Amino acid sequence: MARVPATRAGAILAVADFDASLAFYRDRLGLALVATYDDPPYATLSAAETRISLAEEGHPAEDRPGVTMSAPRDPSRANLVLVLEVEDARAVHRELAAEGVQFLAEPFEPPWGGCRFFCVDPDGYLVEIEQPA
């Protein structure tokens, strides 16, 4: 079996409004900005040694022939959930609420323990803030 000797993992999110998305992840959620690029708009942020990149939708790439990335069109149909683990989900919820972040519901304590809630980024991607059991 082939193995990929990865040294870091990450994800790239296609976004419709690059500036709004960058502000959400950097200024609201507090992810560290690693790098930004202008043409096309692209940013790499990090959290817990993982990279999360934002790419303005609709730009072709030579090494991705036939595939154009696009932001979600229907926020009621999630195809990706970004999970950020924290020590105190309720405290983070209070801080984000004060910043005007949109939530799907109040913090929830599942039967297996811990606490979690979901917020929504400017493009409709779900971000789960989770306090493990």
C-alpha atoms as a PDB file:
ATOM      1  CA  MET A   1       0.000   0.000   0.000  1.00  0.00           C
ATOM      2  CA  ALA A   2       1.313   3.459  -0.905  1.00  0.00           C
ATOM      3  CA  ARG A   3       1.779   5.869   1.972  1.00  0.00           C
ATOM      4  CA  VAL A   4       1.959   9.641   1.977  1.00  0.00           C
ATOM      5  CA  PRO A   5       4.601  10.807   4.478  1.00  0.00           C
ATOM      6  CA  ALA A   6       2.693  13.991   5.281  1.00  0.00           C
ATOM      7  CA  THR A   7       4.337  16.564   7.514  1.00  0.00           C
ATOM      8  CA  ARG A   8       1.241  18.754   7.816  1.00  0.00           C
ATOM      9  CA  ALA A   9      -2.427  18.588   6.809  1.00  0.00           C
ATOM     10  CA  GLY A  10      -4.779  21.277   5.651  1.00  0.00           C
ATOM     11  CA  ALA A  11      -7.756  22.224   3.536  1.00  0.00           C
ATOM     12  CA  ILE A  12      -8.532  24.842   0.907  1.00  0.00           C
ATOM     13  CA  LEU A  13     -11.943  26.497   1.020  1.00  0.00           C
ATOM     14  CA  ALA A  14     -13.310  28.200  -2.096  1.00  0.00           C
ATOM     15  CA  VAL A  15     -14.854  31.526  -1.051  1.00  0.00           C
ATOM     16  CA  ALA A  16     -17.086  34.016  -2.867  1.00  0.00           C
ATOM     17  CA  ASP A  17     -16.145  37.102  -0.823  1.00  0.00           C
ATOM     18  CA  PHE A  18     -12.439  36.769  -0.102  1.00  0.00           C
ATOM     19  CA  ASP A  19     -12.172  39.824   2.182  1.00  0.00           C
ATOM     20  CA  ALA A  20     -15.193  38.826   4.306  1.00  0.00           C
ATOM     21  CA  SER A  21     -13.907  35.269   4.665  1.00  0.00           C
ATOM     22  CA  LEU A  22     -10.408  36.393   5.592  1.00  0.00           C
ATOM     23  CA  ALA A  23     -11.842  38.747   8.220  1.00  0.00           C
ATOM     24  CA  PHE A  24     -14.010  35.937   9.643  1.00  0.00           C
ATOM     25  CA  TYR A  25     -11.220  33.388  10.018  1.00  0.00           C
ATOM     26  CA  ARG A  26      -8.493  35.829  11.038  1.00  0.00           C
ATOM     27  CA  ASP A  27     -10.382  38.446  13.069  1.00  0.00           C
ATOM     28  CA  ARG A  28     -13.378  36.523  14.450  1.00  0.00           C
ATOM     29  CA  LEU A  29     -11.996  33.018  14.948  1.00  0.00           C
ATOM     30  CA  GLY A  30      -8.433  34.174  15.583  1.00  0.00           C
ATOM     31  CA  LEU A  31      -6.594  31.913  13.147  1.00  0.00           C
ATOM     32  CA  ALA A  32      -3.030  33.051  12.510  1.00  0.00           C
ATOM     33  CA  LEU A  33      -2.378  34.544   9.087  1.00  0.00           C
ATOM     34  CA  VAL A  34       0.574  32.786   7.443  1.00  0.00           C
ATOM     35  CA  ALA A  35       0.531  34.334   3.954  1.00  0.00           C
ATOM     36  CA  THR A  36      -1.646  36.199   1.457  1.00  0.00           C
ATOM     37  CA  TYR A  37      -1.470  36.455  -2.308  1.00  0.00           C
ATOM     38  CA  ASP A  38      -3.225  38.891  -4.634  1.00  0.00           C
ATOM     39  CA  ASP A  39      -3.672  37.330  -8.053  1.00  0.00           C
ATOM     40  CA  PRO A  40      -5.877  35.428  -7.575  1.00  0.00           C
ATOM     41  CA  PRO A  41      -6.812  36.276  -3.970  1.00  0.00           C
ATOM     42  CA  TYR A  42      -5.577  33.524  -1.657  1.00  0.00           C
ATOM     43  CA  ALA A  43      -4.661  33.306   2.020  1.00  0.00           C
ATOM     44  CA  THR A  44      -3.207  30.635   4.243  1.00  0.00           C
ATOM     45  CA  LEU A  45      -4.039  30.628   7.949  1.00  0.00           C
ATOM     46  CA  SER A  46      -3.123  28.184  10.680  1.00  0.00           C
ATOM     47  CA  ALA A  47      -4.726  26.698  13.753  1.00  0.00           C
ATOM     48  CA  ALA A  48      -3.362  23.875  15.889  1.00  0.00           C
ATOM     49  CA  GLU A  49      -0.557  23.205  13.389  1.00  0.00           C
ATOM     50  CA  THR A  50      -3.065  22.768  10.559  1.00  0.00           C
ATOM     51  CA  ARG A  51      -3.272  25.061   7.546  1.00  0.00           C
ATOM     52  CA  ILE A  52      -6.586  26.355   6.293  1.00  0.00           C
ATOM     53  CA  SER A  53      -6.420  28.232   3.030  1.00  0.00           C
ATOM     54  CA  LEU A  54      -8.992  30.509   1.425  1.00  0.00           C
ATOM     55  CA  ALA A  55      -9.103  30.699  -2.377  1.00  0.00           C
ATOM     56  CA  GLU A  56     -11.345  33.110  -4.231  1.00  0.00           C
ATOM     57  CA  GLU A  57     -13.699  30.924  -6.247  1.00  0.00           C
ATOM     58  CA  GLY A  58     -13.709  30.579  -9.990  1.00  0.00           C
ATOM     59  CA  HIS A  59     -10.014  30.726 -10.807  1.00  0.00           C
ATOM     60  CA  PRO A  60      -8.566  27.935 -12.960  1.00  0.00           C
ATOM     61  CA  ALA A  61      -5.194  26.389 -12.177  1.00  0.00           C
ATOM     62  CA  GLU A  62      -2.854  24.691 -14.644  1.00  0.00           C
ATOM     63  CA  ASP A  63      -2.273  21.758 -12.307  1.00  0.00           C
ATOM     64  CA  ARG A  64      -6.023  21.297 -11.682  1.00  0.00           C
ATOM     65  CA  PRO A  65      -7.327  20.974 -15.260  1.00  0.00           C
ATOM     66  CA  GLY A  66     -11.078  20.827 -15.637  1.00  0.00           C
ATOM     67  CA  VAL A  67     -11.782  21.653 -11.989  1.00  0.00           C
ATOM     68  CA  THR A  68     -12.907  25.075 -10.799  1.00  0.00           C
ATOM     69  CA  MET A  69     -13.446  25.575  -7.092  1.00  0.00           C
ATOM     70  CA  SER A  70     -16.678  27.203  -5.950  1.00  0.00           C
ATOM     71  CA  ALA A  71     -18.160  28.296  -2.648  1.00  0.00           C
ATOM     72  CA  PRO A  72     -21.317  26.553  -1.384  1.00  0.00           C
ATOM     73  CA  ARG A  73     -24.527  27.705  -3.052  1.00  0.00           C
ATOM     74  CA  ASP A  74     -27.037  26.196  -0.626  1.00  0.00           C
ATOM     75  CA  PRO A  75     -26.189  26.777   3.060  1.00  0.00           C
ATOM     76  CA  SER A  76     -28.713  24.108   4.091  1.00  0.00           C
ATOM     77  CA  ARG A  77     -26.568  21.405   2.421  1.00  0.00           C
ATOM     78  CA  ALA A  78     -23.145  21.188   4.061  1.00  0.00           C
ATOM     79  CA  ASN A  79     -20.430  19.332   2.185  1.00  0.00           C
ATOM     80  CA  LEU A  80     -17.680  20.253   4.628  1.00  0.00           C
ATOM     81  CA  VAL A  81     -17.484  20.985   8.346  1.00  0.00           C
ATOM     82  CA  LEU A  82     -14.339  22.591   9.726  1.00  0.00           C
ATOM     83  CA  VAL A  83     -13.765  21.458  13.337  1.00  0.00           C
ATOM     84  CA  LEU A  84     -11.845  23.567  15.857  1.00  0.00           C
ATOM     85  CA  GLU A  85     -11.252  21.938  19.239  1.00  0.00           C
ATOM     86  CA  VAL A  86     -11.207  24.235  22.279  1.00  0.00           C
ATOM     87  CA  GLU A  87     -10.982  23.849  26.038  1.00  0.00           C
ATOM     88  CA  ASP A  88     -14.194  25.777  26.858  1.00  0.00           C
ATOM     89  CA  ALA A  89     -16.830  25.845  24.119  1.00  0.00           C
ATOM     90  CA  ARG A  90     -19.314  27.936  26.106  1.00  0.00           C
ATOM     91  CA  ALA A  91     -16.720  30.674  26.743  1.00  0.00           C
ATOM     92  CA  VAL A  92     -15.809  30.746  23.042  1.00  0.00           C
ATOM     93  CA  HIS A  93     -19.515  30.903  22.157  1.00  0.00           C
ATOM     94  CA  ARG A  94     -19.946  33.963  24.390  1.00  0.00           C
ATOM     95  CA  GLU A  95     -16.936  35.684  22.796  1.00  0.00           C
ATOM     96  CA  LEU A  96     -18.102  34.961  19.255  1.00  0.00           C
ATOM     97  CA  ALA A  97     -21.664  36.051  20.058  1.00  0.00           C
ATOM     98  CA  ALA A  98     -20.284  39.399  21.224  1.00  0.00           C
ATOM     99  CA  GLU A  99     -18.573  39.677  17.804  1.00  0.00           C
ATOM    100  CA  GLY A 100     -21.863  39.066  15.976  1.00  0.00           C
ATOM    101  CA  VAL A 101     -20.987  35.606  14.632  1.00  0.00           C
ATOM    102  CA  GLN A 102     -23.977  33.649  13.276  1.00  0.00           C
ATOM    103  CA  PHE A 103     -24.804  30.321  14.982  1.00  0.00           C
ATOM    104  CA  LEU A 104     -27.079  27.453  14.019  1.00  0.00           C
ATOM    105  CA  ALA A 105     -28.118  26.804  17.632  1.00  0.00           C
ATOM    106  CA  GLU A 106     -27.025  27.267  21.214  1.00  0.00           C
ATOM    107  CA  PRO A 107     -24.167  25.128  22.610  1.00  0.00           C
ATOM    108  CA  PHE A 108     -25.125  21.462  22.824  1.00  0.00           C
ATOM    109  CA  GLU A 109     -23.944  18.771  25.218  1.00  0.00           C
ATOM    110  CA  PRO A 110     -24.177  15.425  23.401  1.00  0.00           C
ATOM    111  CA  PRO A 111     -24.822  12.196  25.354  1.00  0.00           C
ATOM    112  CA  TRP A 112     -21.156  11.144  24.989  1.00  0.00           C
ATOM    113  CA  GLY A 113     -19.976  14.301  26.758  1.00  0.00           C
ATOM    114  CA  GLY A 114     -18.259  17.527  25.920  1.00  0.00           C
ATOM    115  CA  CYS A 115     -19.919  20.543  24.365  1.00  0.00           C
ATOM    116  CA  ARG A 116     -20.160  21.878  20.835  1.00  0.00           C
ATOM    117  CA  PHE A 117     -21.808  24.458  18.650  1.00  0.00           C
ATOM    118  CA  PHE A 118     -21.833  25.349  14.987  1.00  0.00           C
ATOM    119  CA  CYS A 119     -21.214  28.769  13.504  1.00  0.00           C
ATOM    120  CA  VAL A 120     -21.437  29.789   9.878  1.00  0.00           C
ATOM    121  CA  ASP A 121     -18.773  31.580   7.839  1.00  0.00           C
ATOM    122  CA  PRO A 122     -19.626  34.229   5.205  1.00  0.00           C
ATOM    123  CA  ASP A 123     -19.999  31.568   2.490  1.00  0.00           C
ATOM    124  CA  GLY A 124     -22.131  29.176   4.523  1.00  0.00           C
ATOM    125  CA  TYR A 125     -19.407  26.717   5.514  1.00  0.00           C
ATOM    126  CA  LEU A 126     -20.081  25.211   8.924  1.00  0.00           C
ATOM    127  CA  VAL A 127     -17.474  25.594  11.636  1.00  0.00           C
ATOM    128  CA  GLU A 128     -17.888  23.291  14.612  1.00  0.00           C
ATOM    129  CA  ILE A 129     -16.375  24.563  17.840  1.00  0.00           C
ATOM    130  CA  GLU A 130     -15.935  21.489  20.000  1.00  0.00           C
ATOM    131  CA  GLN A 131     -14.931  20.909  23.585  1.00  0.00           C
ATOM    132  CA  PRO A 132     -14.105  17.195  23.826  1.00  0.00           C
ATOM    133  CA  ALA A 133     -15.510  14.988  26.548  1.00  0.00           C
END
